[in-house]
C-alpha atoms as a PDB file:
ATOM      1  CA  MET A   1      -9.795 -27.800 -18.442  1.00  0.00           C
ATOM      2  CA  SER A   2      -8.611 -25.985 -21.562  1.00  0.00           C
ATOM      3  CA  ALA A   3      -5.253 -26.562 -23.058  1.00  0.00           C
ATOM      4  CA  ASP A   4      -4.214 -23.038 -22.101  1.00  0.00           C
ATOM      5  CA  LYS A   5      -5.133 -23.649 -18.476  1.00  0.00           C
ATOM      6  CA  ALA A   6      -3.265 -26.936 -18.385  1.00  0.00           C
ATOM      7  CA  THR A   7       0.056 -25.347 -19.687  1.00  0.00           C
ATOM      8  CA  LYS A   8       0.080 -22.314 -17.491  1.00  0.00           C
ATOM      9  CA  PRO A   9      -0.053 -21.759 -13.696  1.00  0.00           C
ATOM     10  CA  GLN A  10      -3.223 -20.308 -12.351  1.00  0.00           C
ATOM     11  CA  ILE A  11      -1.651 -17.359 -10.364  1.00  0.00           C
ATOM     12  CA  GLN A  12      -3.883 -16.094  -7.298  1.00  0.00           C
ATOM     13  CA  GLY A  13      -2.116 -13.210  -6.330  1.00  0.00           C
ATOM     14  CA  ILE A  14       1.232 -11.742  -5.165  1.00  0.00           C
ATOM     15  CA  TYR A  15       2.374 -13.282  -2.164  1.00  0.00           C
ATOM     16  CA  GLU A  16       5.383 -11.238  -1.363  1.00  0.00           C
ATOM     17  CA  THR A  17       7.194  -7.849  -1.930  1.00  0.00           C
ATOM     18  CA  HIS A  18      10.210  -6.445  -0.773  1.00  0.00           C
ATOM     19  CA  LEU A  19      11.610  -2.713  -0.106  1.00  0.00           C
ATOM     20  CA  THR A  20      14.895  -1.285   0.498  1.00  0.00           C
ATOM     21  CA  VAL A  21      15.255   0.833   3.465  1.00  0.00           C
ATOM     22  CA  ALA A  22      17.868   3.273   4.759  1.00  0.00           C
ATOM     23  CA  ASP A  23      17.133   2.323   8.547  1.00  0.00           C
ATOM     24  CA  LEU A  24      16.102  -1.077   9.300  1.00  0.00           C
ATOM     25  CA  LYS A  25      14.687  -0.211  13.077  1.00  0.00           C
ATOM     26  CA  THR A  26      12.958   3.041  11.741  1.00  0.00           C
ATOM     27  CA  SER A  27      11.256   0.995   9.130  1.00  0.00           C
ATOM     28  CA  ILE A  28      10.328  -1.769  11.615  1.00  0.00           C
ATOM     29  CA  ALA A  29       8.728   0.844  13.577  1.00  0.00           C
ATOM     30  CA  PHE A  30       6.929   2.324  10.831  1.00  0.00           C
ATOM     31  CA  TYR A  31       5.376  -0.762   9.373  1.00  0.00           C
ATOM     32  CA  ARG A  32       4.562  -2.196  12.762  1.00  0.00           C
ATOM     33  CA  ASP A  33       3.539   0.578  14.803  1.00  0.00           C
ATOM     34  CA  ILE A  34       1.963   3.042  12.296  1.00  0.00           C
ATOM     35  CA  LEU A  35       0.685   0.759   9.657  1.00  0.00           C
ATOM     36  CA  GLY A  36      -0.141  -2.250  12.018  1.00  0.00           C
ATOM     37  CA  LEU A  37       1.302  -5.224  10.103  1.00  0.00           C
ATOM     38  CA  GLU A  38       2.196  -8.305  12.099  1.00  0.00           C
ATOM     39  CA  PHE A  39       5.990  -8.495  12.582  1.00  0.00           C
ATOM     40  CA  ALA A  40       7.166 -11.877  11.446  1.00  0.00           C
ATOM     41  CA  ALA A  41      11.075 -12.230  11.811  1.00  0.00           C
ATOM     42  CA  GLU A  42      14.223 -10.088  11.700  1.00  0.00           C
ATOM     43  CA  PHE A  43      17.435 -11.096  10.589  1.00  0.00           C
ATOM     44  CA  PRO A  44      20.048  -8.644  12.090  1.00  0.00           C
ATOM     45  CA  GLU A  45      23.098 -10.260  10.614  1.00  0.00           C
ATOM     46  CA  ARG A  46      21.530 -10.009   7.205  1.00  0.00           C
ATOM     47  CA  ARG A  47      19.741  -6.494   8.024  1.00  0.00           C
ATOM     48  CA  ILE A  48      16.353  -7.579   6.891  1.00  0.00           C
ATOM     49  CA  ALA A  49      13.145  -7.967   8.263  1.00  0.00           C
ATOM     50  CA  PHE A  50       9.594  -9.690   7.395  1.00  0.00           C
ATOM     51  CA  PHE A  51       6.022  -8.820   8.266  1.00  0.00           C
ATOM     52  CA  TRP A  52       2.816 -10.929   7.693  1.00  0.00           C
ATOM     53  CA  VAL A  53      -0.015  -9.103   5.727  1.00  0.00           C
ATOM     54  CA  ASN A  54      -3.334 -10.163   6.937  1.00  0.00           C
ATOM     55  CA  GLY A  55      -1.614 -13.353   8.117  1.00  0.00           C
ATOM     56  CA  LYS A  56       1.109 -15.624   6.961  1.00  0.00           C
ATOM     57  CA  ARG A  57      -0.942 -17.485   4.525  1.00  0.00           C
ATOM     58  CA  ASN A  58      -1.855 -14.151   2.784  1.00  0.00           C
ATOM     59  CA  ALA A  59       1.294 -12.055   2.002  1.00  0.00           C
ATOM     60  CA  MET A  60       4.723 -11.070   3.228  1.00  0.00           C
ATOM     61  CA  LEU A  61       6.407  -7.629   3.020  1.00  0.00           C
ATOM     62  CA  GLY A  62      10.317  -7.893   3.093  1.00  0.00           C
ATOM     63  CA  LEU A  63      12.612  -4.782   4.425  1.00  0.00           C
ATOM     64  CA  TRP A  64      16.139  -5.036   3.267  1.00  0.00           C
ATOM     65  CA  GLU A  65      18.622  -2.279   4.946  1.00  0.00           C
ATOM     66  CA  THR A  66      20.673  -0.652   2.232  1.00  0.00           C
ATOM     67  CA  GLY A  67      22.427   1.877   4.396  1.00  0.00           C
ATOM     68  CA  THR A  68      22.850   5.687   3.742  1.00  0.00           C
ATOM     69  CA  GLY A  69      24.214   5.391   0.152  1.00  0.00           C
ATOM     70  CA  PRO A  70      23.211   8.071  -2.434  1.00  0.00           C
ATOM     71  CA  LEU A  71      21.544   5.760  -4.846  1.00  0.00           C
ATOM     72  CA  LYS A  72      18.167   4.773  -3.697  1.00  0.00           C
ATOM     73  CA  MET A  73      15.231   3.107  -5.275  1.00  0.00           C
ATOM     74  CA  ARG A  74      11.715   4.294  -4.508  1.00  0.00           C
ATOM     75  CA  LEU A  75       8.951   1.990  -5.155  1.00  0.00           C
ATOM     76  CA  HIS A  76       5.490   1.766  -4.909  1.00  0.00           C
ATOM     77  CA  LEU A  77       3.357  -0.754  -2.824  1.00  0.00           C
ATOM     78  CA  ALA A  78      -0.609  -0.813  -2.403  1.00  0.00           C
ATOM     79  CA  PHE A  79      -2.219  -2.358   0.602  1.00  0.00           C
ATOM     80  CA  ARG A  80      -5.844  -3.485  -0.028  1.00  0.00           C
ATOM     81  CA  LEU A  81      -8.370  -2.204   2.712  1.00  0.00           C
ATOM     82  CA  SER A  82     -12.194  -2.379   3.182  1.00  0.00           C
ATOM     83  CA  GLN A  83     -14.293   0.289   2.256  1.00  0.00           C
ATOM     84  CA  GLU A  84     -14.730   1.240   5.829  1.00  0.00           C
ATOM     85  CA  GLU A  85     -11.144   1.501   6.723  1.00  0.00           C
ATOM     86  CA  MET A  86     -10.468   3.735   3.775  1.00  0.00           C
ATOM     87  CA  MET A  87     -12.867   6.176   5.023  1.00  0.00           C
ATOM     88  CA  GLN A  88     -11.193   6.261   8.300  1.00  0.00           C
ATOM     89  CA  ALA A  89      -7.842   6.027   6.806  1.00  0.00           C
ATOM     90  CA  PRO A  90      -6.844   9.868   6.305  1.00  0.00           C
ATOM     91  CA  ALA A  91      -7.701  10.620   9.801  1.00  0.00           C
ATOM     92  CA  LEU A  92      -5.729   7.743  11.362  1.00  0.00           C
ATOM     93  CA  LEU A  93      -2.739   8.618   9.040  1.00  0.00           C
ATOM     94  CA  ILE A  94      -3.058  12.438  10.055  1.00  0.00           C
ATOM     95  CA  GLY A  95      -3.103  11.312  13.665  1.00  0.00           C
ATOM     96  CA  LYS A  96       0.177   9.563  13.365  1.00  0.00           C
ATOM     97  CA  GLY A  97       1.932  12.464  11.674  1.00  0.00           C
ATOM     98  CA  LEU A  98       1.709  11.612   8.049  1.00  0.00           C
ATOM     99  CA  THR A  99       0.227  13.326   5.285  1.00  0.00           C
ATOM    100  CA  PRO A 100      -2.170  11.451   2.797  1.00  0.00           C
ATOM    101  CA  HIS A 101      -2.126  12.602  -0.576  1.00  0.00           C
ATOM    102  CA  GLY A 102      -3.923  11.848  -3.875  1.00  0.00           C
ATOM    103  CA  PHE A 103      -2.572  10.593  -6.928  1.00  0.00           C
ATOM    104  CA  HIS A 104      -0.966  13.913  -8.202  1.00  0.00           C
ATOM    105  CA  GLY A 105       0.371  14.590  -4.858  1.00  0.00           C
ATOM    106  CA  GLU A 106      -2.237  17.040  -3.437  1.00  0.00           C
ATOM    107  CA  PRO A 107      -2.837  16.960   0.238  1.00  0.00           C
ATOM    108  CA  ILE A 108      -6.309  15.154   1.057  1.00  0.00           C
ATOM    109  CA  THR A 109      -8.549  14.564   4.147  1.00  0.00           C
ATOM    110  CA  GLU A 110     -11.022  11.899   2.269  1.00  0.00           C
ATOM    111  CA  PRO A 111      -9.763   9.045  -0.268  1.00  0.00           C
ATOM    112  CA  ILE A 112      -9.939   9.730  -3.776  1.00  0.00           C
ATOM    113  CA  VAL A 113     -11.698   7.710  -6.447  1.00  0.00           C
ATOM    114  CA  ILE A 114     -10.055   6.398  -9.421  1.00  0.00           C
ATOM    115  CA  GLY A 115     -13.101   6.368 -11.894  1.00  0.00           C
ATOM    116  CA  TRP A 116     -11.709   3.621 -14.523  1.00  0.00           C
ATOM    117  CA  MET A 117     -11.694   0.984 -11.951  1.00  0.00           C
ATOM    118  CA  PRO A 118     -13.252   2.299  -9.695  1.00  0.00           C
ATOM    119  CA  ALA A 119     -11.472   2.156  -6.492  1.00  0.00           C
ATOM    120  CA  LEU A 120     -11.131   4.397  -3.290  1.00  0.00           C
ATOM    121  CA  SER A 121      -7.472   5.361  -3.111  1.00  0.00           C
ATOM    122  CA  LEU A 122      -4.943   7.465  -1.138  1.00  0.00           C
ATOM    123  CA  TYR A 123      -1.001   7.790  -0.955  1.00  0.00           C
ATOM    124  CA  PHE A 124       1.522   8.398   1.699  1.00  0.00           C
ATOM    125  CA  ASN A 125       5.041   7.952   2.049  1.00  0.00           C
ATOM    126  CA  ASP A 126       7.123   5.451   4.186  1.00  0.00           C
ATOM    127  CA  PRO A 127      10.493   6.965   6.091  1.00  0.00           C
ATOM    128  CA  ASP A 128      12.391   6.231   2.842  1.00  0.00           C
ATOM    129  CA  GLY A 129      10.200   7.847   0.549  1.00  0.00           C
ATOM    130  CA  HIS A 130       8.413   4.716  -0.981  1.00  0.00           C
ATOM    131  CA  SER A 131       4.892   5.394  -2.053  1.00  0.00           C
ATOM    132  CA  ILE A 132       2.497   3.653  -0.179  1.00  0.00           C
ATOM    133  CA  GLU A 133      -1.154   3.282  -1.186  1.00  0.00           C
ATOM    134  CA  PHE A 134      -4.238   2.084   0.416  1.00  0.00           C
ATOM    135  CA  LEU A 135      -6.749   0.898  -2.137  1.00  0.00           C
ATOM    136  CA  SER A 136     -10.546  -0.469  -1.864  1.00  0.00           C
ATOM    137  CA  VAL A 137     -12.113  -1.411  -5.029  1.00  0.00           C
ATOM    138  CA  LEU A 138     -15.814  -0.223  -5.015  1.00  0.00           C
ATOM    139  CA  ASP A 139     -18.638  -2.451  -6.534  1.00  0.00           C
ATOM    140  CA  ASP A 140     -19.763   0.792  -8.463  1.00  0.00           C
ATOM    141  CA  GLU A 141     -19.761   0.720 -12.491  1.00  0.00           C
ATOM    142  CA  PRO A 142     -16.491   2.231 -13.832  1.00  0.00           C
ATOM    143  CA  ASP A 143     -16.395   5.894 -15.066  1.00  0.00           C
ATOM    144  CA  ALA A 144     -13.313   6.410 -16.907  1.00  0.00           C
ATOM    145  CA  ALA A 145     -14.552  10.095 -17.483  1.00  0.00           C
ATOM    146  CA  PHE A 146     -14.488  10.795 -14.111  1.00  0.00           C
ATOM    147  CA  GLY A 147     -10.767  10.724 -13.804  1.00  0.00           C
ATOM    148  CA  MET A 148      -9.446  10.828 -10.341  1.00  0.00           C
ATOM    149  CA  ARG A 149     -11.238  13.009  -7.906  1.00  0.00           C
ATOM    150  CA  SER A 150     -12.753  12.936  -4.173  1.00  0.00           C
ATOM    151  CA  TYR A 151     -15.090  10.265  -3.054  1.00  0.00           C
ATOM    152  CA  THR A 152     -17.479  13.180  -2.416  1.00  0.00           C
ATOM    153  CA  LYS A 153     -17.626  14.202  -5.957  1.00  0.00           C
ATOM    154  CA  TRP A 154     -18.129  10.510  -6.920  1.00  0.00           C
ATOM    155  CA  LYS A 155     -21.078  10.175  -4.744  1.00  0.00           C
ATOM    156  CA  ALA A 156     -22.490  13.433  -5.960  1.00  0.00           C
ATOM    157  CA  ARG A 157     -22.089  12.181  -9.657  1.00  0.00           C
END
């Protein structure tokens, strides 16, 4: 074991993240019924709820109700999906009344590819305007010159 590894923890990933929401009930329904996350617990007296992301050993999302105050922080959160799920995601989101969009806010019907990674990606907003991303890293070689364009254009390179 190197001296560096002995003095630093070996972080394996991010376990949990938290979002502030205006209405906890609305957000619980969105993350449970629209995104399909597994509901873990709600603590109404504290106005918070938790969801498991791919099981309790993998990751957790916390939602904290802040009410309708004028100061809101909008955040970004990316969920990892398989490539197959990514290809189905636009139609599923549209079917649930959501608008998937690319990195620049343009409406899309298929994932975009972020060439420098490369990864399939698409964005949409939750009820509080938080930026939610679905992402799937591709096995292809990176191509930074590609930029961020449709999967169809990626495959046609």
